[in-house]
Amino acid sequence: MTEYINLKTPLSDSTIEKLKAGDKVRISGILYTGRDAAHKRLIEMIESGEELPFDVKGQLLYYVGPTPAKPGQVIGSAGPTTSYRMDAYAPTLIKMGLKGMIGKGGRSKEVIEAMKTNKAVYFAAVGGAAALIAKTIKRVEIIAFEDLGTEAVRKMEVENFPAIVVNDTKGNDLYNIGREKYKIPV
């Protein structure tokens, strides 16, 4: 049986520092959502001295553009989007206290360095399991940039949202660890 670490948001430095690349987690609490268009606006707000629509300290950002909910559902499919598109914006949010991001794919050296310096982690959610992930989402409300449609910033209440730690606070990278395991000696 797979062991999971149960996490409750918001996350503290001490919780984040215990996580290691490869740990399987289940997240409960609040996640905020946003993709590249929303990130661009968040950074513009920061640069112009405006208050953000949510306090990033201790929070997790889920890179998702959910589909509309069918009748009787809270949300439609809600699978992760490719994370590197947010790499230009992530270090600023991490420096402000963001504790983690959830998406798919690798991150840039700048993002990994910001995670090491500021105690944050990057989680992968399983792409292709969007309908299953949606079942962990209990409540959703748009809190900013409604004009962006699926890319609006949402506040999501989740219960046992499954993810895997890809990058930890030490700079370990699960994708590199995986490649090393299967490297053929020359």
Protein backbone atom coordinates (compact mmCIF):
# COMPACT_ATOMS: atom_id res chain seq x y z
CA MET A 1 0.00 0.00 0.00
CA THR A 2 1.28 3.47 -0.91
CA GLU A 3 2.06 5.75 2.01
CA TYR A 4 0.80 9.31 1.70
CA ILE A 5 1.74 12.36 3.71
CA ASN A 6 -1.36 14.33 4.60
CA LEU A 7 -0.96 18.09 4.21
CA LYS A 8 -3.36 20.81 5.36
CA THR A 9 -3.06 24.28 3.85
CA PRO A 10 -1.74 26.85 4.55
CA LEU A 11 1.70 25.25 4.81
CA SER A 12 4.51 26.24 7.17
CA ASP A 13 8.26 26.24 6.57
CA SER A 14 8.67 23.30 8.95
CA THR A 15 6.13 21.22 7.01
CA ILE A 16 7.68 22.11 3.64
CA GLU A 17 11.22 21.33 4.83
CA LYS A 18 10.23 17.74 5.76
CA LEU A 19 9.06 16.93 2.23
CA LYS A 20 11.41 15.10 -0.13
CA ALA A 21 11.34 14.63 -3.88
CA GLY A 22 9.26 11.50 -4.50
CA ASP A 23 6.99 11.86 -1.46
CA LYS A 24 3.34 11.20 -2.23
CA VAL A 25 0.96 13.65 -0.59
CA ARG A 26 -2.73 14.29 -0.15
CA ILE A 27 -3.59 17.94 0.22
CA SER A 28 -6.65 19.24 2.04
CA GLY A 29 -7.69 22.85 2.54
CA ILE A 30 -7.52 25.78 0.13
CA LEU A 31 -5.68 25.88 -3.20
CA TYR A 32 -5.58 28.92 -5.44
CA THR A 33 -5.55 28.52 -9.20
CA GLY A 34 -3.95 30.42 -11.99
CA ARG A 35 -2.22 30.00 -15.32
CA ASP A 36 0.03 32.30 -17.32
CA ALA A 37 -2.47 35.09 -18.05
CA ALA A 38 -3.45 35.33 -14.38
CA HIS A 39 0.19 35.18 -13.28
CA LYS A 40 1.05 38.06 -15.60
CA ARG A 41 -1.70 40.16 -14.01
CA LEU A 42 -0.63 39.20 -10.48
CA ILE A 43 2.92 40.34 -11.19
CA GLU A 44 1.64 43.59 -12.76
CA MET A 45 -0.37 44.19 -9.56
CA ILE A 46 2.73 43.61 -7.42
CA GLU A 47 4.82 45.93 -9.59
CA SER A 48 2.21 48.70 -9.34
CA GLY A 49 1.87 48.30 -5.56
CA GLU A 50 -1.66 46.89 -5.63
CA GLU A 51 -2.88 44.33 -3.13
CA LEU A 52 -3.23 40.79 -4.52
CA PRO A 53 -6.66 39.11 -4.48
CA PHE A 54 -5.31 36.60 -1.90
CA ASP A 55 -2.41 36.47 0.54
CA VAL A 56 0.19 34.13 -1.01
CA LYS A 57 1.94 33.40 2.32
CA GLY A 58 1.81 29.69 3.08
CA GLN A 59 -0.40 28.98 0.07
CA LEU A 60 -0.31 26.63 -2.91
CA LEU A 61 -1.03 27.64 -6.50
CA TYR A 62 -2.53 24.98 -8.76
CA TYR A 63 -1.81 25.52 -12.44
CA VAL A 64 -5.17 24.54 -13.89
CA GLY A 65 -7.79 25.80 -16.33
CA PRO A 66 -10.83 23.75 -15.33
CA THR A 67 -13.66 22.94 -17.67
CA PRO A 68 -17.18 24.13 -16.84
CA ALA A 69 -19.09 22.08 -14.29
CA LYS A 70 -21.83 19.75 -15.44
CA PRO A 71 -25.16 20.03 -13.61
CA GLY A 72 -24.77 18.81 -10.02
CA GLN A 73 -20.97 19.10 -10.05
CA VAL A 74 -18.74 21.66 -8.36
CA ILE A 75 -16.31 21.80 -11.28
CA GLY A 76 -15.57 20.05 -14.57
CA SER A 77 -12.29 18.29 -15.32
CA ALA A 78 -9.44 19.96 -13.45
CA GLY A 79 -6.12 18.49 -14.57
CA PRO A 80 -2.74 20.22 -14.28
CA THR A 81 -1.28 22.39 -17.00
CA THR A 82 2.36 22.66 -18.06
CA SER A 83 4.23 24.57 -15.36
CA TYR A 84 7.17 26.08 -17.24
CA ARG A 85 4.81 28.73 -18.65
CA MET A 86 4.65 30.23 -15.14
CA ASP A 87 8.43 30.13 -14.56
CA ALA A 88 8.93 33.82 -15.37
CA TYR A 89 6.47 34.75 -12.60
CA ALA A 90 6.96 32.05 -9.95
CA PRO A 91 10.15 33.37 -8.25
CA THR A 92 8.43 36.66 -7.34
CA LEU A 93 5.48 34.85 -5.75
CA ILE A 94 7.79 32.39 -3.96
CA LYS A 95 9.77 35.30 -2.48
CA MET A 96 6.46 36.71 -1.20
CA GLY A 97 5.80 33.49 0.75
CA LEU A 98 4.14 31.09 -1.71
CA LYS A 99 4.95 27.61 -0.34
CA GLY A 100 4.20 25.50 -3.37
CA MET A 101 2.92 25.05 -6.86
CA ILE A 102 1.09 22.13 -8.47
CA GLY A 103 1.34 21.37 -12.17
CA LYS A 104 3.05 19.05 -14.61
CA GLY A 105 6.49 19.04 -16.21
CA GLY A 106 9.85 20.39 -15.10
CA ARG A 107 10.79 23.80 -13.68
CA SER A 108 13.58 26.22 -14.57
CA LYS A 109 16.79 26.61 -12.58
CA GLU A 110 15.56 30.03 -11.42
CA VAL A 111 12.37 28.56 -9.95
CA ILE A 112 14.27 25.71 -8.28
CA GLU A 113 16.74 28.20 -6.79
CA ALA A 114 13.86 30.37 -5.51
CA MET A 115 12.32 27.26 -3.90
CA LYS A 116 15.60 26.40 -2.17
CA THR A 117 16.20 29.95 -0.94
CA ASN A 118 12.62 30.60 0.22
CA LYS A 119 11.50 27.13 1.36
CA ALA A 120 8.94 26.13 -1.23
CA VAL A 121 8.18 22.94 -3.17
CA TYR A 122 6.77 21.92 -6.51
CA PHE A 123 4.21 19.13 -6.74
CA ALA A 124 3.11 17.20 -9.80
CA ALA A 125 -0.49 16.21 -10.26
CA VAL A 126 -1.19 13.39 -12.64
CA GLY A 127 -2.09 14.61 -16.09
CA GLY A 128 -4.84 12.54 -17.73
CA ALA A 129 -6.64 12.12 -14.40
CA ALA A 130 -8.49 15.43 -14.57
CA ALA A 131 -11.94 13.95 -13.92
CA LEU A 132 -10.63 12.03 -10.90
CA ILE A 133 -8.83 15.08 -9.51
CA ALA A 134 -12.06 17.07 -9.84
CA LYS A 135 -13.68 14.70 -7.33
CA THR A 136 -11.32 16.00 -4.62
CA ILE A 137 -12.52 19.58 -5.18
CA LYS A 138 -15.36 20.39 -2.80
CA ARG A 139 -15.98 24.10 -3.40
CA VAL A 140 -14.84 26.68 -5.97
CA GLU A 141 -15.22 30.42 -6.31
CA ILE A 142 -13.67 32.87 -8.76
CA ILE A 143 -11.82 35.55 -6.77
CA ALA A 144 -10.08 37.53 -9.53
CA PHE A 145 -9.87 38.11 -13.29
CA GLU A 146 -13.24 36.58 -14.20
CA ASP A 147 -12.75 37.96 -17.72
CA LEU A 148 -9.99 35.34 -18.22
CA GLY A 149 -12.55 32.52 -18.18
CA THR A 150 -10.86 29.23 -17.35
CA GLU A 151 -7.69 31.15 -16.45
CA ALA A 152 -9.40 33.23 -13.74
CA VAL A 153 -7.97 32.96 -10.24
CA ARG A 154 -10.08 30.59 -8.21
CA LYS A 155 -10.18 29.64 -4.56
CA MET A 156 -10.69 25.88 -4.34
CA GLU A 157 -11.44 23.85 -1.26
CA VAL A 158 -9.95 20.37 -1.71
CA GLU A 159 -9.96 17.16 0.26
CA ASN A 160 -7.22 14.55 -0.24
CA PHE A 161 -5.96 16.08 -3.50
CA PRO A 162 -3.24 13.65 -4.69
CA ALA A 163 0.19 14.94 -5.73
CA ILE A 164 3.86 13.98 -5.75
CA VAL A 165 6.74 16.18 -4.60
CA VAL A 166 8.93 16.82 -7.65
CA ASN A 167 11.24 19.56 -6.31
CA ASP A 168 11.98 19.87 -2.62
CA THR A 169 13.61 22.64 -0.57
CA LYS A 170 17.05 21.05 -1.04
CA GLY A 171 16.85 21.33 -4.83
CA ASN A 172 16.28 17.62 -5.45
CA ASP A 173 14.38 16.89 -8.65
CA LEU A 174 12.30 13.72 -8.97
CA TYR A 175 12.57 13.82 -12.77
CA ASN A 176 16.39 13.76 -12.57
CA ILE A 177 16.34 11.09 -9.86
CA GLY A 178 14.12 8.95 -12.11
CA ARG A 179 16.41 9.35 -15.10
CA GLU A 180 19.46 8.35 -13.02
CA LYS A 181 17.75 5.11 -11.93
CA TYR A 182 17.49 3.96 -15.51
CA LYS A 183 20.76 5.31 -16.85
CA ILE A 184 22.67 2.67 -18.75
CA PRO A 185 26.36 2.49 -17.77
CA VAL A 186 28.66 3.35 -20.67
